[in-house]
C-alpha atoms as a PDB file:
ATOM      1  CA  MET A   1     -67.396  60.758 154.607  1.00  0.00           C
ATOM      2  CA  THR A   2     -70.762  59.517 153.412  1.00  0.00           C
ATOM      3  CA  ALA A   3     -72.265  56.257 152.306  1.00  0.00           C
ATOM      4  CA  LEU A   4     -72.858  56.199 148.574  1.00  0.00           C
ATOM      5  CA  PRO A   5     -76.562  55.489 147.857  1.00  0.00           C
ATOM      6  CA  GLU A   6     -77.643  59.102 148.435  1.00  0.00           C
ATOM      7  CA  LEU A   7     -75.775  62.150 147.177  1.00  0.00           C
ATOM      8  CA  PRO A   8     -75.410  64.931 149.773  1.00  0.00           C
ATOM      9  CA  ARG A   9     -76.261  68.427 148.644  1.00  0.00           C
ATOM     10  CA  THR A  10     -72.658  69.505 149.183  1.00  0.00           C
ATOM     11  CA  ALA A  11     -71.462  66.903 146.649  1.00  0.00           C
ATOM     12  CA  ARG A  12     -73.649  67.883 143.684  1.00  0.00           C
ATOM     13  CA  ARG A  13     -70.931  70.053 142.192  1.00  0.00           C
ATOM     14  CA  LEU A  14     -68.491  67.160 142.581  1.00  0.00           C
ATOM     15  CA  LEU A  15     -70.830  64.785 140.749  1.00  0.00           C
ATOM     16  CA  ARG A  16     -71.137  67.162 137.789  1.00  0.00           C
ATOM     17  CA  ALA A  17     -67.341  67.273 137.592  1.00  0.00           C
ATOM     18  CA  VAL A  18     -67.142  63.485 137.806  1.00  0.00           C
ATOM     19  CA  LEU A  19     -69.574  62.964 134.957  1.00  0.00           C
ATOM     20  CA  ALA A  20     -67.849  65.582 132.819  1.00  0.00           C
ATOM     21  CA  ALA A  21     -64.503  63.873 133.399  1.00  0.00           C
ATOM     22  CA  GLY A  22     -66.094  60.515 132.657  1.00  0.00           C
ATOM     23  CA  ALA A  23     -67.407  61.748 129.333  1.00  0.00           C
ATOM     24  CA  VAL A  24     -63.873  62.715 128.312  1.00  0.00           C
ATOM     25  CA  LEU A  25     -62.594  59.345 129.508  1.00  0.00           C
ATOM     26  CA  ALA A  26     -65.234  57.511 127.486  1.00  0.00           C
ATOM     27  CA  LEU A  27     -64.122  59.257 124.320  1.00  0.00           C
ATOM     28  CA  GLY A  28     -60.515  58.370 125.074  1.00  0.00           C
ATOM     29  CA  LEU A  29     -61.338  54.727 125.639  1.00  0.00           C
ATOM     30  CA  ALA A  30     -63.347  54.501 122.457  1.00  0.00           C
ATOM     31  CA  ALA A  31     -60.502  56.082 120.489  1.00  0.00           C
ATOM     32  CA  ALA A  32     -58.040  53.608 121.973  1.00  0.00           C
ATOM     33  CA  GLY A  33     -60.296  50.706 121.043  1.00  0.00           C
ATOM     34  CA  THR A  34     -60.134  49.108 124.490  1.00  0.00           C
ATOM     35  CA  ALA A  35     -63.713  49.595 125.633  1.00  0.00           C
ATOM     36  CA  SER A  36     -65.415  47.353 123.116  1.00  0.00           C
ATOM     37  CA  ALA A  37     -62.868  44.563 123.481  1.00  0.00           C
ATOM     38  CA  GLN A  38     -63.105  43.854 127.192  1.00  0.00           C
ATOM     39  CA  ASP A  39     -65.963  45.694 128.899  1.00  0.00           C
ATOM     40  CA  GLY A  40     -68.744  43.257 128.027  1.00  0.00           C
ATOM     41  CA  ALA A  41     -70.409  41.308 130.796  1.00  0.00           C
ATOM     42  CA  PRO A  42     -70.052  37.532 130.985  1.00  0.00           C
ATOM     43  CA  ASP A  43     -72.639  35.477 129.118  1.00  0.00           C
ATOM     44  CA  ALA A  44     -74.276  34.507 132.416  1.00  0.00           C
ATOM     45  CA  GLY A  45     -77.316  36.463 133.512  1.00  0.00           C
ATOM     46  CA  VAL A  46     -75.864  37.328 136.940  1.00  0.00           C
ATOM     47  CA  HIS A  47     -72.280  38.394 137.643  1.00  0.00           C
ATOM     48  CA  PRO A  48     -70.233  40.915 139.617  1.00  0.00           C
ATOM     49  CA  GLY A  49     -71.194  44.449 138.677  1.00  0.00           C
ATOM     50  CA  VAL A  50     -74.931  43.924 138.230  1.00  0.00           C
ATOM     51  CA  MET A  51     -77.304  46.454 139.794  1.00  0.00           C
ATOM     52  CA  THR A  52     -79.148  45.579 142.994  1.00  0.00           C
ATOM     53  CA  ARG A  53     -82.040  47.173 144.873  1.00  0.00           C
ATOM     54  CA  THR A  54     -82.794  46.043 148.423  1.00  0.00           C
ATOM     55  CA  GLY A  55     -86.371  46.572 149.554  1.00  0.00           C
ATOM     56  CA  PRO A  56     -89.174  48.472 147.813  1.00  0.00           C
ATOM     57  CA  GLU A  57     -87.796  52.020 148.182  1.00  0.00           C
ATOM     58  CA  SER A  58     -84.048  51.498 148.318  1.00  0.00           C
ATOM     59  CA  ALA A  59     -81.373  53.255 146.323  1.00  0.00           C
ATOM     60  CA  GLN A  60     -79.584  51.367 143.549  1.00  0.00           C
ATOM     61  CA  CYS A  61     -76.308  49.623 144.408  1.00  0.00           C
ATOM     62  CA  THR A  62     -73.748  47.458 142.588  1.00  0.00           C
ATOM     63  CA  ALA A  63     -72.791  43.854 143.409  1.00  0.00           C
ATOM     64  CA  ASN A  64     -69.106  43.140 144.041  1.00  0.00           C
ATOM     65  CA  PHE A  65     -68.158  39.438 143.897  1.00  0.00           C
ATOM     66  CA  VAL A  66     -69.691  35.960 144.021  1.00  0.00           C
ATOM     67  CA  PHE A  67     -69.411  33.872 147.203  1.00  0.00           C
ATOM     68  CA  THR A  68     -70.393  30.408 148.381  1.00  0.00           C
ATOM     69  CA  ASP A  69     -70.465  28.436 151.628  1.00  0.00           C
ATOM     70  CA  GLY A  70     -70.874  25.123 149.853  1.00  0.00           C
ATOM     71  CA  SER A  71     -74.652  25.098 150.110  1.00  0.00           C
ATOM     72  CA  ALA A  72     -75.749  28.314 148.372  1.00  0.00           C
ATOM     73  CA  THR A  73     -74.499  30.994 145.977  1.00  0.00           C
ATOM     74  CA  TYR A  74     -74.397  34.630 147.038  1.00  0.00           C
ATOM     75  CA  LEU A  75     -73.751  38.045 145.549  1.00  0.00           C
ATOM     76  CA  GLY A  76     -71.917  40.485 147.776  1.00  0.00           C
ATOM     77  CA  GLN A  77     -73.037  44.060 148.265  1.00  0.00           C
ATOM     78  CA  ALA A  78     -72.534  46.769 150.890  1.00  0.00           C
ATOM     79  CA  ALA A  79     -74.486  46.484 154.147  1.00  0.00           C
ATOM     80  CA  HIS A  80     -75.469  50.139 153.832  1.00  0.00           C
ATOM     81  CA  CYS A  81     -77.405  49.275 150.661  1.00  0.00           C
ATOM     82  CA  ALA A  82     -80.079  47.992 153.059  1.00  0.00           C
ATOM     83  CA  GLY A  83     -79.718  50.996 155.360  1.00  0.00           C
ATOM     84  CA  THR A  84     -82.820  52.810 156.572  1.00  0.00           C
ATOM     85  CA  GLY A  85     -81.161  56.036 157.714  1.00  0.00           C
ATOM     86  CA  GLY A  86     -79.408  58.916 156.002  1.00  0.00           C
ATOM     87  CA  SER A  87     -76.289  58.701 153.859  1.00  0.00           C
ATOM     88  CA  THR A  88     -74.111  60.042 156.696  1.00  0.00           C
ATOM     89  CA  GLU A  89     -74.970  57.060 158.929  1.00  0.00           C
ATOM     90  CA  VAL A  90     -71.841  54.975 158.413  1.00  0.00           C
ATOM     91  CA  ASP A  91     -71.413  53.431 161.880  1.00  0.00           C
ATOM     92  CA  GLY A  92     -72.725  49.919 161.307  1.00  0.00           C
ATOM     93  CA  CYS A  93     -73.022  49.275 165.038  1.00  0.00           C
ATOM     94  CA  GLU A  94     -75.708  51.949 165.308  1.00  0.00           C
ATOM     95  CA  ALA A  95     -77.221  52.534 161.842  1.00  0.00           C
ATOM     96  CA  GLY A  96     -80.657  51.187 160.953  1.00  0.00           C
ATOM     97  CA  SER A  97     -81.069  48.402 158.406  1.00  0.00           C
ATOM     98  CA  LEU A  98     -83.771  46.405 156.697  1.00  0.00           C
ATOM     99  CA  PRO A  99     -84.075  42.912 158.209  1.00  0.00           C
ATOM    100  CA  LEU A 100     -82.667  39.648 156.939  1.00  0.00           C
ATOM    101  CA  GLY A 101     -85.043  38.046 154.480  1.00  0.00           C
ATOM    102  CA  THR A 102     -85.708  41.327 152.654  1.00  0.00           C
ATOM    103  CA  PRO A 103     -86.129  40.719 148.891  1.00  0.00           C
ATOM    104  CA  VAL A 104     -83.349  42.086 146.689  1.00  0.00           C
ATOM    105  CA  GLU A 105     -83.920  42.891 143.037  1.00  0.00           C
ATOM    106  CA  VAL A 106     -80.903  41.626 141.082  1.00  0.00           C
ATOM    107  CA  GLU A 107     -80.248  42.727 137.507  1.00  0.00           C
ATOM    108  CA  GLY A 108     -80.186  39.710 135.205  1.00  0.00           C
ATOM    109  CA  ALA A 109     -81.860  37.372 137.700  1.00  0.00           C
ATOM    110  CA  ALA A 110     -85.160  35.644 137.002  1.00  0.00           C
ATOM    111  CA  ALA A 111     -86.227  35.829 140.658  1.00  0.00           C
ATOM    112  CA  PRO A 112     -85.487  38.251 143.507  1.00  0.00           C
ATOM    113  CA  GLY A 113     -82.570  37.410 145.761  1.00  0.00           C
ATOM    114  CA  ARG A 114     -82.806  37.460 149.533  1.00  0.00           C
ATOM    115  CA  LEU A 115     -80.747  39.388 152.107  1.00  0.00           C
ATOM    116  CA  VAL A 116     -79.242  36.668 154.299  1.00  0.00           C
ATOM    117  CA  TYR A 117     -76.273  38.386 155.963  1.00  0.00           C
ATOM    118  CA  SER A 118     -75.537  41.964 156.979  1.00  0.00           C
ATOM    119  CA  SER A 119     -72.373  42.915 158.836  1.00  0.00           C
ATOM    120  CA  TRP A 120     -74.329  45.802 160.370  1.00  0.00           C
ATOM    121  CA  LEU A 121     -77.027  43.536 161.813  1.00  0.00           C
ATOM    122  CA  SER A 122     -74.430  40.994 162.895  1.00  0.00           C
ATOM    123  CA  MET A 123     -72.366  43.594 164.745  1.00  0.00           C
ATOM    124  CA  GLN A 124     -75.423  45.011 166.458  1.00  0.00           C
ATOM    125  CA  GLU A 125     -76.608  41.571 167.540  1.00  0.00           C
ATOM    126  CA  ARG A 126     -73.202  40.719 168.974  1.00  0.00           C
ATOM    127  CA  GLY A 127     -72.578  44.093 170.625  1.00  0.00           C
ATOM    128  CA  GLU A 128     -69.465  44.937 168.615  1.00  0.00           C
ATOM    129  CA  THR A 129     -67.617  47.917 170.134  1.00  0.00           C
ATOM    130  CA  ASP A 130     -64.390  48.272 168.147  1.00  0.00           C
ATOM    131  CA  PRO A 131     -64.754  51.661 166.387  1.00  0.00           C
ATOM    132  CA  ASP A 132     -62.848  50.684 163.242  1.00  0.00           C
ATOM    133  CA  THR A 133     -64.839  47.491 162.802  1.00  0.00           C
ATOM    134  CA  CYS A 134     -68.103  49.367 163.391  1.00  0.00           C
ATOM    135  CA  ARG A 135     -67.220  52.045 160.857  1.00  0.00           C
ATOM    136  CA  PHE A 136     -65.710  50.018 158.049  1.00  0.00           C
ATOM    137  CA  ASN A 137     -67.224  46.510 158.192  1.00  0.00           C
ATOM    138  CA  ASP A 138     -69.744  47.221 155.416  1.00  0.00           C
ATOM    139  CA  PHE A 139     -70.804  43.983 153.743  1.00  0.00           C
ATOM    140  CA  ALA A 140     -73.935  41.990 152.968  1.00  0.00           C
ATOM    141  CA  LEU A 141     -74.827  38.767 151.175  1.00  0.00           C
ATOM    142  CA  VAL A 142     -77.723  38.268 148.770  1.00  0.00           C
ATOM    143  CA  GLU A 143     -78.684  34.625 148.303  1.00  0.00           C
ATOM    144  CA  LEU A 144     -79.609  33.737 144.729  1.00  0.00           C
ATOM    145  CA  SER A 145     -82.291  31.236 143.755  1.00  0.00           C
ATOM    146  CA  PRO A 146     -80.910  27.857 142.565  1.00  0.00           C
ATOM    147  CA  ASP A 147     -81.929  28.625 138.966  1.00  0.00           C
ATOM    148  CA  ASP A 148     -80.165  31.995 139.015  1.00  0.00           C
ATOM    149  CA  ALA A 149     -77.130  30.504 140.775  1.00  0.00           C
ATOM    150  CA  ALA A 150     -76.788  28.084 137.858  1.00  0.00           C
ATOM    151  CA  ARG A 151     -76.648  31.088 135.492  1.00  0.00           C
ATOM    152  CA  THR A 152     -74.127  33.077 137.539  1.00  0.00           C
ATOM    153  CA  SER A 153     -70.568  33.839 136.451  1.00  0.00           C
ATOM    154  CA  PRO A 154     -68.023  34.974 139.069  1.00  0.00           C
ATOM    155  CA  ALA A 155     -65.981  36.892 136.469  1.00  0.00           C
ATOM    156  CA  VAL A 156     -65.631  40.664 136.819  1.00  0.00           C
ATOM    157  CA  PRO A 157     -66.680  42.427 133.601  1.00  0.00           C
ATOM    158  CA  PHE A 158     -63.897  44.117 131.596  1.00  0.00           C
ATOM    159  CA  TYR A 159     -61.098  42.739 133.795  1.00  0.00           C
ATOM    160  CA  GLY A 160     -61.849  39.079 134.444  1.00  0.00           C
ATOM    161  CA  GLY A 161     -60.772  37.497 137.707  1.00  0.00           C
ATOM    162  CA  PRO A 162     -60.838  37.700 140.659  1.00  0.00           C
ATOM    163  CA  THR A 163     -57.797  35.486 141.174  1.00  0.00           C
ATOM    164  CA  GLY A 164     -58.308  35.182 144.943  1.00  0.00           C
ATOM    165  CA  VAL A 165     -58.546  37.458 147.982  1.00  0.00           C
ATOM    166  CA  ALA A 166     -55.909  40.137 148.606  1.00  0.00           C
ATOM    167  CA  THR A 167     -54.561  38.966 151.963  1.00  0.00           C
ATOM    168  CA  ASP A 168     -52.138  41.874 152.417  1.00  0.00           C
ATOM    169  CA  GLY A 169     -54.303  44.776 151.266  1.00  0.00           C
ATOM    170  CA  VAL A 170     -52.619  47.180 148.866  1.00  0.00           C
ATOM    171  CA  ALA A 171     -49.545  49.370 149.243  1.00  0.00           C
ATOM    172  CA  THR A 172     -49.788  53.141 149.011  1.00  0.00           C
ATOM    173  CA  GLY A 173     -49.444  53.964 145.315  1.00  0.00           C
ATOM    174  CA  GLY A 174     -50.518  50.472 144.297  1.00  0.00           C
ATOM    175  CA  ILE A 175     -52.763  50.126 141.251  1.00  0.00           C
ATOM    176  CA  VAL A 176     -56.420  49.272 141.801  1.00  0.00           C
ATOM    177  CA  TYR A 177     -59.202  48.392 139.374  1.00  0.00           C
ATOM    178  CA  GLY A 178     -62.922  48.761 139.960  1.00  0.00           C
ATOM    179  CA  TYR A 179     -66.147  48.228 138.068  1.00  0.00           C
ATOM    180  CA  GLY A 180     -69.096  50.489 138.850  1.00  0.00           C
ATOM    181  CA  ASN A 181     -72.625  50.282 137.518  1.00  0.00           C
ATOM    182  CA  SER A 182     -74.315  53.426 138.784  1.00  0.00           C
ATOM    183  CA  SER A 183     -77.485  54.393 136.967  1.00  0.00           C
ATOM    184  CA  LEU A 184     -76.040  57.923 136.923  1.00  0.00           C
ATOM    185  CA  ARG A 185     -73.739  56.737 134.124  1.00  0.00           C
ATOM    186  CA  GLN A 186     -76.829  56.081 132.005  1.00  0.00           C
ATOM    187  CA  GLY A 187     -75.506  52.777 130.711  1.00  0.00           C
ATOM    188  CA  VAL A 188     -72.350  54.180 129.085  1.00  0.00           C
ATOM    189  CA  ARG A 189     -70.066  51.147 129.112  1.00  0.00           C
ATOM    190  CA  ALA A 190     -66.813  53.061 128.914  1.00  0.00           C
ATOM    191  CA  LEU A 191     -67.614  54.785 132.227  1.00  0.00           C
ATOM    192  CA  LYS A 192     -67.974  51.530 134.191  1.00  0.00           C
ATOM    193  CA  PRO A 193     -64.354  50.285 134.489  1.00  0.00           C
ATOM    194  CA  LYS A 194     -62.216  52.370 136.852  1.00  0.00           C
ATOM    195  CA  THR A 195     -58.447  52.518 137.191  1.00  0.00           C
ATOM    196  CA  GLY A 196     -56.492  54.308 139.904  1.00  0.00           C
ATOM    197  CA  THR A 197     -54.223  54.021 142.908  1.00  0.00           C
ATOM    198  CA  SER A 198     -54.377  53.581 146.642  1.00  0.00           C
ATOM    199  CA  THR A 199     -53.498  56.628 148.717  1.00  0.00           C
ATOM    200  CA  GLY A 200     -53.235  54.721 151.971  1.00  0.00           C
ATOM    201  CA  THR A 201     -54.748  52.243 154.399  1.00  0.00           C
ATOM    202  CA  GLY A 202     -56.430  53.185 157.674  1.00  0.00           C
ATOM    203  CA  GLY A 203     -58.787  51.992 160.363  1.00  0.00           C
ATOM    204  CA  GLY A 204     -56.455  49.242 161.522  1.00  0.00           C
ATOM    205  CA  GLY A 205     -56.364  47.806 157.997  1.00  0.00           C
ATOM    206  CA  TRP A 206     -60.139  47.936 157.584  1.00  0.00           C
ATOM    207  CA  THR A 207     -60.240  50.635 154.889  1.00  0.00           C
ATOM    208  CA  HIS A 208     -58.268  51.692 151.818  1.00  0.00           C
ATOM    209  CA  THR A 209     -58.573  55.160 150.311  1.00  0.00           C
ATOM    210  CA  VAL A 210     -58.400  55.124 146.513  1.00  0.00           C
ATOM    211  CA  VAL A 211     -58.505  57.692 143.754  1.00  0.00           C
ATOM    212  CA  THR A 212     -59.724  56.435 140.390  1.00  0.00           C
ATOM    213  CA  VAL A 213     -60.824  57.688 137.001  1.00  0.00           C
ATOM    214  CA  PRO A 214     -63.732  57.903 137.012  1.00  0.00           C
ATOM    215  CA  PRO A 215     -64.318  57.939 140.785  1.00  0.00           C
ATOM    216  CA  GLY A 216     -67.049  55.924 142.447  1.00  0.00           C
ATOM    217  CA  VAL A 217     -70.361  57.770 142.607  1.00  0.00           C
ATOM    218  CA  PRO A 218     -73.753  57.044 144.207  1.00  0.00           C
ATOM    219  CA  GLY A 219     -75.076  53.807 142.736  1.00  0.00           C
ATOM    220  CA  ASP A 220     -71.586  52.248 142.689  1.00  0.00           C
ATOM    221  CA  SER A 221     -72.004  51.355 146.393  1.00  0.00           C
ATOM    222  CA  GLY A 222     -70.832  47.846 147.166  1.00  0.00           C
ATOM    223  CA  SER A 223     -68.925  47.388 143.901  1.00  0.00           C
ATOM    224  CA  GLY A 224     -65.716  45.370 143.962  1.00  0.00           C
ATOM    225  CA  TYR A 225     -62.101  46.498 143.611  1.00  0.00           C
ATOM    226  CA  LEU A 226     -59.143  44.419 142.426  1.00  0.00           C
ATOM    227  CA  THR A 227     -55.402  44.740 142.977  1.00  0.00           C
ATOM    228  CA  ALA A 228     -52.818  44.845 140.173  1.00  0.00           C
ATOM    229  CA  ASP A 229     -52.684  41.038 140.118  1.00  0.00           C
ATOM    230  CA  GLY A 230     -56.453  40.625 140.023  1.00  0.00           C
ATOM    231  CA  ARG A 231     -57.060  39.763 143.658  1.00  0.00           C
ATOM    232  CA  ALA A 232     -60.270  40.938 145.291  1.00  0.00           C
ATOM    233  CA  LEU A 233     -59.292  43.900 147.472  1.00  0.00           C
ATOM    234  CA  GLY A 234     -62.580  45.133 148.856  1.00  0.00           C
ATOM    235  CA  VAL A 235     -65.976  46.750 148.643  1.00  0.00           C
ATOM    236  CA  LEU A 236     -66.788  50.365 147.753  1.00  0.00           C
ATOM    237  CA  SER A 237     -68.251  51.841 150.919  1.00  0.00           C
ATOM    238  CA  THR A 238     -67.885  55.624 151.051  1.00  0.00           C
ATOM    239  CA  LEU A 239     -67.593  58.807 149.030  1.00  0.00           C
ATOM    240  CA  ASN A 240     -65.034  60.967 150.820  1.00  0.00           C
ATOM    241  CA  LEU A 241     -65.615  64.720 150.969  1.00  0.00           C
ATOM    242  CA  ALA A 242     -62.624  65.414 153.213  1.00  0.00           C
ATOM    243  CA  PRO A 243     -59.687  65.690 153.316  1.00  0.00           C
ATOM    244  CA  ALA A 244     -59.590  64.756 149.611  1.00  0.00           C
ATOM    245  CA  PRO A 245     -62.919  65.197 147.793  1.00  0.00           C
ATOM    246  CA  GLY A 246     -63.531  62.634 145.080  1.00  0.00           C
ATOM    247  CA  THR A 247     -61.671  59.782 146.758  1.00  0.00           C
ATOM    248  CA  ASN A 248     -63.424  56.594 147.839  1.00  0.00           C
ATOM    249  CA  GLY A 249     -63.226  54.342 150.875  1.00  0.00           C
ATOM    250  CA  ILE A 250     -62.877  50.612 150.190  1.00  0.00           C
ATOM    251  CA  SER A 251     -63.692  48.146 152.982  1.00  0.00           C
ATOM    252  CA  ASP A 252     -61.053  45.399 153.117  1.00  0.00           C
ATOM    253  CA  LEU A 253     -62.437  42.062 151.877  1.00  0.00           C
ATOM    254  CA  ARG A 254     -60.095  39.837 153.866  1.00  0.00           C
ATOM    255  CA  LYS A 255     -61.212  41.452 157.121  1.00  0.00           C
ATOM    256  CA  ILE A 256     -64.841  41.355 155.968  1.00  0.00           C
ATOM    257  CA  LEU A 257     -64.644  37.589 155.342  1.00  0.00           C
ATOM    258  CA  ASP A 258     -62.741  36.933 158.565  1.00  0.00           C
ATOM    259  CA  TYR A 259     -65.509  38.679 160.480  1.00  0.00           C
ATOM    260  CA  ALA A 260     -68.295  36.902 158.602  1.00  0.00           C
ATOM    261  CA  ASN A 261     -66.644  33.526 159.170  1.00  0.00           C
ATOM    262  CA  GLY A 262     -65.992  34.308 162.834  1.00  0.00           C
ATOM    263  CA  PRO A 263     -68.355  36.502 164.861  1.00  0.00           C
ATOM    264  CA  GLY A 264     -70.619  36.824 161.828  1.00  0.00           C
ATOM    265  CA  GLY A 265     -71.702  33.209 162.147  1.00  0.00           C
ATOM    266  CA  HIS A 266     -70.640  31.497 158.898  1.00  0.00           C
ATOM    267  CA  GLY A 267     -68.322  29.161 160.767  1.00  0.00           C
ATOM    268  CA  GLY A 268     -65.430  29.485 158.352  1.00  0.00           C
ATOM    269  CA  ALA A 269     -67.386  28.205 155.358  1.00  0.00           C
ATOM    270  CA  LEU A 270     -67.875  31.434 153.380  1.00  0.00           C
ATOM    271  CA  ARG A 271     -65.404  31.923 150.552  1.00  0.00           C
ATOM    272  CA  LEU A 272     -64.877  33.952 147.407  1.00  0.00           C
ATOM    273  CA  VAL A 273     -65.562  32.236 144.085  1.00  0.00           C
ATOM    274  CA  GLU A 274     -62.679  32.929 141.711  1.00  0.00           C
ATOM    275  CA  GLY A 275     -63.389  34.167 138.205  1.00  0.00           C
ATOM    276  CA  ASP A 276     -63.979  31.821 135.299  1.00  0.00           C
ATOM    277  CA  ARG A 277     -62.213  34.232 132.923  1.00  0.00           C
ATOM    278  CA  PRO A 278     -58.506  35.177 133.119  1.00  0.00           C
ATOM    279  CA  PHE A 279     -57.586  38.481 134.721  1.00  0.00           C
ATOM    280  CA  THR A 280     -56.562  40.776 131.859  1.00  0.00           C
ATOM    281  CA  PRO A 281     -56.298  44.387 133.040  1.00  0.00           C
ATOM    282  CA  GLN A 282     -56.568  47.169 130.504  1.00  0.00           C
ATOM    283  CA  PRO A 283     -54.989  50.171 132.257  1.00  0.00           C
ATOM    284  CA  VAL A 284     -56.718  53.428 131.447  1.00  0.00           C
ATOM    285  CA  PRO A 285     -54.441  56.397 130.628  1.00  0.00           C
ATOM    286  CA  ILE A 286     -55.186  59.125 133.177  1.00  0.00           C
ATOM    287  CA  ASP A 287     -55.264  62.700 131.930  1.00  0.00           C
ATOM    288  CA  PRO A 288     -53.087  64.789 134.303  1.00  0.00           C
ATOM    289  CA  ALA A 289     -55.804  67.443 134.278  1.00  0.00           C
ATOM    290  CA  PHE A 290     -58.165  65.155 136.220  1.00  0.00           C
END
């Protein structure tokens, strides 16, 4: 298992296969006429799915959802997007991170955002020892400037929503939807929406393993996933190389928010902002060959 911003040497062959499969999927979507109808971003300059870069030399990541505590507006991303170590450093209780206050470049924003919360830094400060929490609590908040907050839409491109937080996770075999914005996709819109299923929940409910077409790749780190009814399920955290290469690990959003509002220090005020567009999933037919 590896964090997504950097691609391990052993996964290069997998990435080539992913992009080849994605190219086929893009053609299928275009033929079906679904891509152009729903994949556009909201009119607002900032929204879930925009690219982010934390610090001057960081890898590109993808924002998941919009949050507020009543006093500011935040974009969510993965904590490892501010990581200072290698891509295999996934234990947030030990991994290095850029400090709070680090500027974050946000696609569509007029001014840089600011890293104001990191689950990794919070766990380290509080001496967290639970291994599942340390491994899968992978979440950060980027505070937007007031001007950019006023131009922010909470709607997920292509799908709309979210309609709330998924409080019960997702059942094995349950449908999931994601929206990635990796620069590796070279801006091809039809490759950004992802449809798939959950293959199980682990880590005491902290993580969900999903298989989607196309799968999440480096640059999709931190992107959001929705359940079949449009609820926000979690945050893309890992690219799994074993036991099932090509699957992804999704950190559970309900647990993430519970931690942030408890030990994380938000005092119960942090909440998801629901989408200002209806949730309208467009399931993608999956070729059995993939």
